[in-house]
Amino acid sequence: MKHQPKYQRRSEQQIRALLGVQEKSDLPIAVFCKTHKIHKTTYYNWCNKYGMQRETTAKFIPVQLKQTESVPVLFGEIEFASKVIVRLYHQVDASWIKSLLR
């Protein structure tokens, strides 16, 4: 039975270069890690250690409401797994909600 060769440790420069490549690419993190033979946990550890900001941080999505009454009436409320709560004051397309999940 052949043993797989051990991977050499990457230098800080190599790690920062890989993180930069991932930031600029449109690849999902799982695909990027598989392509570069990096475990996802290692990737996230590198991000934390070298201060790279992932795009999963909270984003502000501006919503314009038509004010017909003095107090808006709550139409619905959605709570995502990331503990983000979205309050809807009128009916919206399902495609708009799907865009929030990206």
N, C-alpha and C. Protein backbone atom coordinates (compact mmCIF):
# COMPACT_ATOMS: atom_id res chain seq x y z
N MET A 1 0.84 -1.17 0.00
CA MET A 1 0.00 0.00 0.00
C MET A 1 0.89 1.24 0.00
N LYS A 2 0.66 2.11 -0.97
CA LYS A 2 1.46 3.32 -1.08
C LYS A 2 0.90 4.40 -0.16
N HIS A 3 1.82 5.14 0.42
CA HIS A 3 1.41 6.26 1.26
C HIS A 3 1.33 7.51 0.41
N GLN A 4 0.36 8.34 0.73
CA GLN A 4 0.26 9.61 0.02
C GLN A 4 1.36 10.53 0.53
N PRO A 5 1.96 11.29 -0.37
CA PRO A 5 3.02 12.20 0.08
C PRO A 5 2.44 13.29 0.97
N LYS A 6 3.19 13.64 2.01
CA LYS A 6 2.74 14.71 2.89
C LYS A 6 2.92 16.04 2.17
N TYR A 7 1.98 16.93 2.41
CA TYR A 7 2.07 18.25 1.82
C TYR A 7 2.98 19.11 2.68
N GLN A 8 3.78 19.90 2.03
CA GLN A 8 4.64 20.82 2.77
C GLN A 8 3.80 22.00 3.23
N ARG A 9 4.21 22.57 4.33
CA ARG A 9 3.51 23.75 4.83
C ARG A 9 3.71 24.90 3.85
N ARG A 10 2.67 25.69 3.72
CA ARG A 10 2.75 26.85 2.84
C ARG A 10 3.26 28.04 3.66
N SER A 11 4.01 28.89 3.00
CA SER A 11 4.50 30.09 3.68
C SER A 11 3.37 31.11 3.79
N GLU A 12 3.59 32.12 4.60
CA GLU A 12 2.58 33.16 4.77
C GLU A 12 2.29 33.85 3.44
N GLN A 13 3.31 34.06 2.64
CA GLN A 13 3.13 34.69 1.32
C GLN A 13 2.25 33.83 0.43
N GLN A 14 2.50 32.52 0.42
CA GLN A 14 1.71 31.61 -0.40
C GLN A 14 0.25 31.60 0.06
N ILE A 15 0.05 31.60 1.38
CA ILE A 15 -1.31 31.58 1.92
C ILE A 15 -2.05 32.86 1.54
N ARG A 16 -1.39 34.00 1.72
CA ARG A 16 -2.03 35.27 1.37
C ARG A 16 -2.34 35.34 -0.12
N ALA A 17 -1.44 34.78 -0.94
CA ALA A 17 -1.69 34.76 -2.39
C ALA A 17 -2.91 33.90 -2.71
N LEU A 18 -3.03 32.73 -2.09
CA LEU A 18 -4.18 31.85 -2.31
C LEU A 18 -5.48 32.52 -1.86
N LEU A 19 -5.44 33.18 -0.71
CA LEU A 19 -6.64 33.87 -0.22
C LEU A 19 -7.03 35.00 -1.16
N GLY A 20 -6.03 35.66 -1.73
CA GLY A 20 -6.31 36.72 -2.70
C GLY A 20 -6.94 36.18 -3.97
N VAL A 21 -6.44 35.02 -4.41
CA VAL A 21 -6.99 34.38 -5.61
C VAL A 21 -8.45 34.01 -5.37
N GLN A 22 -8.75 33.47 -4.18
CA GLN A 22 -10.13 33.08 -3.89
C GLN A 22 -11.04 34.30 -3.82
N GLU A 23 -10.54 35.39 -3.25
CA GLU A 23 -11.35 36.61 -3.17
C GLU A 23 -11.75 37.12 -4.54
N LYS A 24 -10.83 37.01 -5.49
CA LYS A 24 -11.08 37.54 -6.83
C LYS A 24 -11.87 36.58 -7.71
N SER A 25 -11.89 35.29 -7.34
CA SER A 25 -12.60 34.31 -8.17
C SER A 25 -14.07 34.25 -7.79
N ASP A 26 -14.86 33.69 -8.67
CA ASP A 26 -16.29 33.52 -8.41
C ASP A 26 -16.61 32.12 -7.91
N LEU A 27 -15.58 31.35 -7.60
CA LEU A 27 -15.78 29.98 -7.16
C LEU A 27 -16.30 29.93 -5.72
N PRO A 28 -17.21 29.01 -5.45
CA PRO A 28 -17.59 28.79 -4.05
C PRO A 28 -16.38 28.28 -3.27
N ILE A 29 -16.36 28.52 -1.99
CA ILE A 29 -15.21 28.16 -1.17
C ILE A 29 -14.94 26.66 -1.22
N ALA A 30 -15.99 25.84 -1.22
CA ALA A 30 -15.81 24.38 -1.24
C ALA A 30 -15.08 23.94 -2.52
N VAL A 31 -15.46 24.51 -3.65
CA VAL A 31 -14.82 24.16 -4.93
C VAL A 31 -13.38 24.66 -4.96
N PHE A 32 -13.16 25.87 -4.48
CA PHE A 32 -11.81 26.43 -4.43
C PHE A 32 -10.89 25.56 -3.58
N CYS A 33 -11.38 25.15 -2.42
CA CYS A 33 -10.57 24.32 -1.52
C CYS A 33 -10.25 22.97 -2.15
N LYS A 34 -11.21 22.38 -2.82
CA LYS A 34 -10.97 21.09 -3.47
C LYS A 34 -9.95 21.23 -4.59
N THR A 35 -10.05 22.32 -5.35
CA THR A 35 -9.13 22.56 -6.46
C THR A 35 -7.70 22.72 -5.97
N HIS A 36 -7.52 23.44 -4.86
CA HIS A 36 -6.18 23.72 -4.34
C HIS A 36 -5.75 22.76 -3.24
N LYS A 37 -6.54 21.71 -3.02
CA LYS A 37 -6.25 20.67 -2.04
C LYS A 37 -6.04 21.26 -0.64
N ILE A 38 -7.03 22.06 -0.24
CA ILE A 38 -7.03 22.68 1.07
C ILE A 38 -8.30 22.23 1.79
N HIS A 39 -8.17 21.87 3.05
CA HIS A 39 -9.36 21.54 3.81
C HIS A 39 -10.11 22.83 4.12
N LYS A 40 -11.46 22.77 4.12
CA LYS A 40 -12.23 23.98 4.37
C LYS A 40 -11.91 24.60 5.73
N THR A 41 -11.68 23.77 6.72
CA THR A 41 -11.34 24.28 8.04
C THR A 41 -10.03 25.05 7.99
N THR A 42 -9.07 24.52 7.25
CA THR A 42 -7.79 25.21 7.10
C THR A 42 -7.99 26.56 6.43
N TYR A 43 -8.84 26.59 5.39
CA TYR A 43 -9.12 27.84 4.70
C TYR A 43 -9.67 28.88 5.66
N TYR A 44 -10.66 28.51 6.47
CA TYR A 44 -11.27 29.45 7.41
C TYR A 44 -10.28 29.87 8.50
N ASN A 45 -9.43 28.94 8.93
CA ASN A 45 -8.40 29.29 9.91
C ASN A 45 -7.44 30.32 9.33
N TRP A 46 -7.07 30.13 8.07
CA TRP A 46 -6.20 31.10 7.39
C TRP A 46 -6.87 32.46 7.33
N CYS A 47 -8.16 32.48 6.98
CA CYS A 47 -8.88 33.75 6.90
C CYS A 47 -8.86 34.47 8.25
N ASN A 48 -9.09 33.72 9.31
CA ASN A 48 -9.08 34.33 10.65
C ASN A 48 -7.69 34.79 11.04
N LYS A 49 -6.69 33.99 10.74
CA LYS A 49 -5.32 34.30 11.14
C LYS A 49 -4.75 35.48 10.37
N TYR A 50 -5.00 35.54 9.07
CA TYR A 50 -4.39 36.56 8.24
C TYR A 50 -5.32 37.74 7.94
N GLY A 51 -6.47 37.76 8.65
CA GLY A 51 -7.35 38.92 8.59
C GLY A 51 -8.07 39.14 7.28
N MET A 52 -8.26 38.11 6.50
CA MET A 52 -8.99 38.25 5.24
C MET A 52 -10.48 38.26 5.58
N GLN A 53 -11.18 39.22 5.03
CA GLN A 53 -12.62 39.33 5.27
C GLN A 53 -13.37 38.51 4.23
N ARG A 54 -14.21 37.63 4.73
CA ARG A 54 -15.04 36.84 3.82
C ARG A 54 -16.28 37.65 3.48
N GLU A 55 -16.89 37.32 2.37
CA GLU A 55 -18.06 38.06 1.91
C GLU A 55 -19.33 37.66 2.65
N THR A 56 -19.21 36.74 3.60
CA THR A 56 -20.39 36.29 4.32
C THR A 56 -20.78 37.25 5.44
N THR A 57 -20.05 38.37 5.58
CA THR A 57 -20.41 39.34 6.60
C THR A 57 -21.73 39.99 6.22
N ALA A 58 -22.38 40.54 7.21
CA ALA A 58 -23.71 41.11 7.00
C ALA A 58 -23.67 42.24 5.98
N LYS A 59 -24.65 42.26 5.12
CA LYS A 59 -24.77 43.31 4.11
C LYS A 59 -26.07 44.06 4.38
N PHE A 60 -26.05 45.32 4.10
CA PHE A 60 -27.27 46.11 4.22
C PHE A 60 -27.94 46.15 2.86
N ILE A 61 -29.20 45.77 2.83
CA ILE A 61 -29.96 45.79 1.60
C ILE A 61 -31.03 46.87 1.75
N PRO A 62 -30.91 47.96 1.01
CA PRO A 62 -31.90 49.03 1.15
C PRO A 62 -33.25 48.60 0.59
N VAL A 63 -34.29 48.92 1.31
CA VAL A 63 -35.64 48.60 0.88
C VAL A 63 -36.46 49.88 0.97
N GLN A 64 -37.14 50.21 -0.11
CA GLN A 64 -37.98 51.40 -0.10
C GLN A 64 -39.43 50.97 0.06
N LEU A 65 -40.07 51.56 1.02
CA LEU A 65 -41.47 51.24 1.29
C LEU A 65 -42.35 52.40 0.86
N LYS A 66 -43.51 52.06 0.34
CA LYS A 66 -44.48 53.09 -0.01
C LYS A 66 -45.31 53.36 1.24
N GLN A 67 -45.21 54.55 1.73
CA GLN A 67 -45.93 54.92 2.95
C GLN A 67 -47.33 55.40 2.59
N THR A 68 -48.32 54.55 2.77
CA THR A 68 -49.70 54.95 2.52
C THR A 68 -50.40 55.25 3.84
N GLU A 69 -49.89 54.66 4.91
CA GLU A 69 -50.47 54.90 6.23
C GLU A 69 -49.39 55.53 7.11
N SER A 70 -49.79 56.08 8.21
CA SER A 70 -48.80 56.68 9.11
C SER A 70 -47.93 55.61 9.78
N VAL A 71 -48.50 54.44 10.05
CA VAL A 71 -47.75 53.34 10.66
C VAL A 71 -47.82 52.13 9.72
N PRO A 72 -46.65 51.65 9.23
CA PRO A 72 -46.70 50.50 8.33
C PRO A 72 -47.16 49.24 9.07
N VAL A 73 -47.90 48.40 8.36
CA VAL A 73 -48.41 47.16 8.92
C VAL A 73 -47.47 46.02 8.52
N LEU A 74 -47.08 45.21 9.49
CA LEU A 74 -46.16 44.09 9.24
C LEU A 74 -46.87 43.01 8.42
N PHE A 75 -46.32 42.67 7.26
CA PHE A 75 -46.91 41.66 6.38
C PHE A 75 -46.38 40.28 6.73
N GLY A 76 -45.07 40.18 7.00
CA GLY A 76 -44.47 38.89 7.31
C GLY A 76 -43.08 39.09 7.90
N GLU A 77 -42.57 38.01 8.46
CA GLU A 77 -41.25 38.07 9.08
C GLU A 77 -40.53 36.76 8.78
N ILE A 78 -39.26 36.85 8.37
CA ILE A 78 -38.46 35.66 8.05
C ILE A 78 -37.21 35.70 8.92
N GLU A 79 -36.92 34.57 9.60
CA GLU A 79 -35.67 34.48 10.38
C GLU A 79 -34.79 33.43 9.72
N PHE A 80 -33.61 33.86 9.31
CA PHE A 80 -32.66 32.96 8.67
C PHE A 80 -31.83 32.24 9.73
N ALA A 81 -31.13 31.17 9.32
CA ALA A 81 -30.31 30.39 10.24
C ALA A 81 -29.20 31.24 10.87
N SER A 82 -28.79 32.29 10.19
CA SER A 82 -27.72 33.15 10.69
C SER A 82 -28.25 34.19 11.68
N LYS A 83 -29.47 33.99 12.19
CA LYS A 83 -30.10 34.88 13.16
C LYS A 83 -30.43 36.26 12.60
N VAL A 84 -30.53 36.37 11.28
CA VAL A 84 -30.93 37.61 10.64
C VAL A 84 -32.44 37.57 10.47
N ILE A 85 -33.09 38.64 10.86
CA ILE A 85 -34.55 38.72 10.74
C ILE A 85 -34.89 39.75 9.69
N VAL A 86 -35.74 39.35 8.74
CA VAL A 86 -36.19 40.25 7.68
C VAL A 86 -37.68 40.47 7.90
N ARG A 87 -38.06 41.72 8.04
CA ARG A 87 -39.47 42.07 8.22
C ARG A 87 -39.99 42.63 6.91
N LEU A 88 -41.09 42.09 6.45
CA LEU A 88 -41.69 42.51 5.19
C LEU A 88 -42.96 43.30 5.50
N TYR A 89 -43.09 44.43 4.82
CA TYR A 89 -44.26 45.27 5.02
C TYR A 89 -45.20 45.24 3.82
N HIS A 90 -44.82 44.44 2.82
CA HIS A 90 -45.71 44.19 1.69
C HIS A 90 -45.26 42.90 1.02
N GLN A 91 -46.08 42.36 0.16
CA GLN A 91 -45.78 41.10 -0.52
C GLN A 91 -44.61 41.31 -1.49
N VAL A 92 -43.67 40.32 -1.51
CA VAL A 92 -42.52 40.40 -2.41
C VAL A 92 -42.42 39.12 -3.22
N ASP A 93 -41.66 39.21 -4.32
CA ASP A 93 -41.40 38.05 -5.17
C ASP A 93 -40.54 37.03 -4.44
N ALA A 94 -40.72 35.77 -4.76
CA ALA A 94 -39.87 34.72 -4.19
C ALA A 94 -38.43 34.90 -4.65
N SER A 95 -38.22 35.43 -5.87
CA SER A 95 -36.87 35.63 -6.37
C SER A 95 -36.10 36.65 -5.52
N TRP A 96 -36.80 37.63 -4.96
CA TRP A 96 -36.15 38.61 -4.10
C TRP A 96 -35.65 37.94 -2.82
N ILE A 97 -36.47 37.05 -2.27
CA ILE A 97 -36.06 36.33 -1.05
C ILE A 97 -34.90 35.39 -1.36
N LYS A 98 -34.93 34.74 -2.53
CA LYS A 98 -33.81 33.87 -2.92
C LYS A 98 -32.52 34.66 -3.07
N SER A 99 -32.61 35.90 -3.52
CA SER A 99 -31.42 36.73 -3.68
C SER A 99 -30.78 37.04 -2.33
N LEU A 100 -31.56 37.04 -1.26
CA LEU A 100 -31.01 37.25 0.08
C LEU A 100 -30.17 36.06 0.54
N LEU A 101 -30.48 34.88 0.03
CA LEU A 101 -29.81 33.67 0.46
C LEU A 101 -28.45 33.48 -0.21
N ARG A 102 -28.12 34.25 -1.20
CA ARG A 102 -26.84 34.09 -1.89
C ARG A 102 -25.72 34.66 -1.11
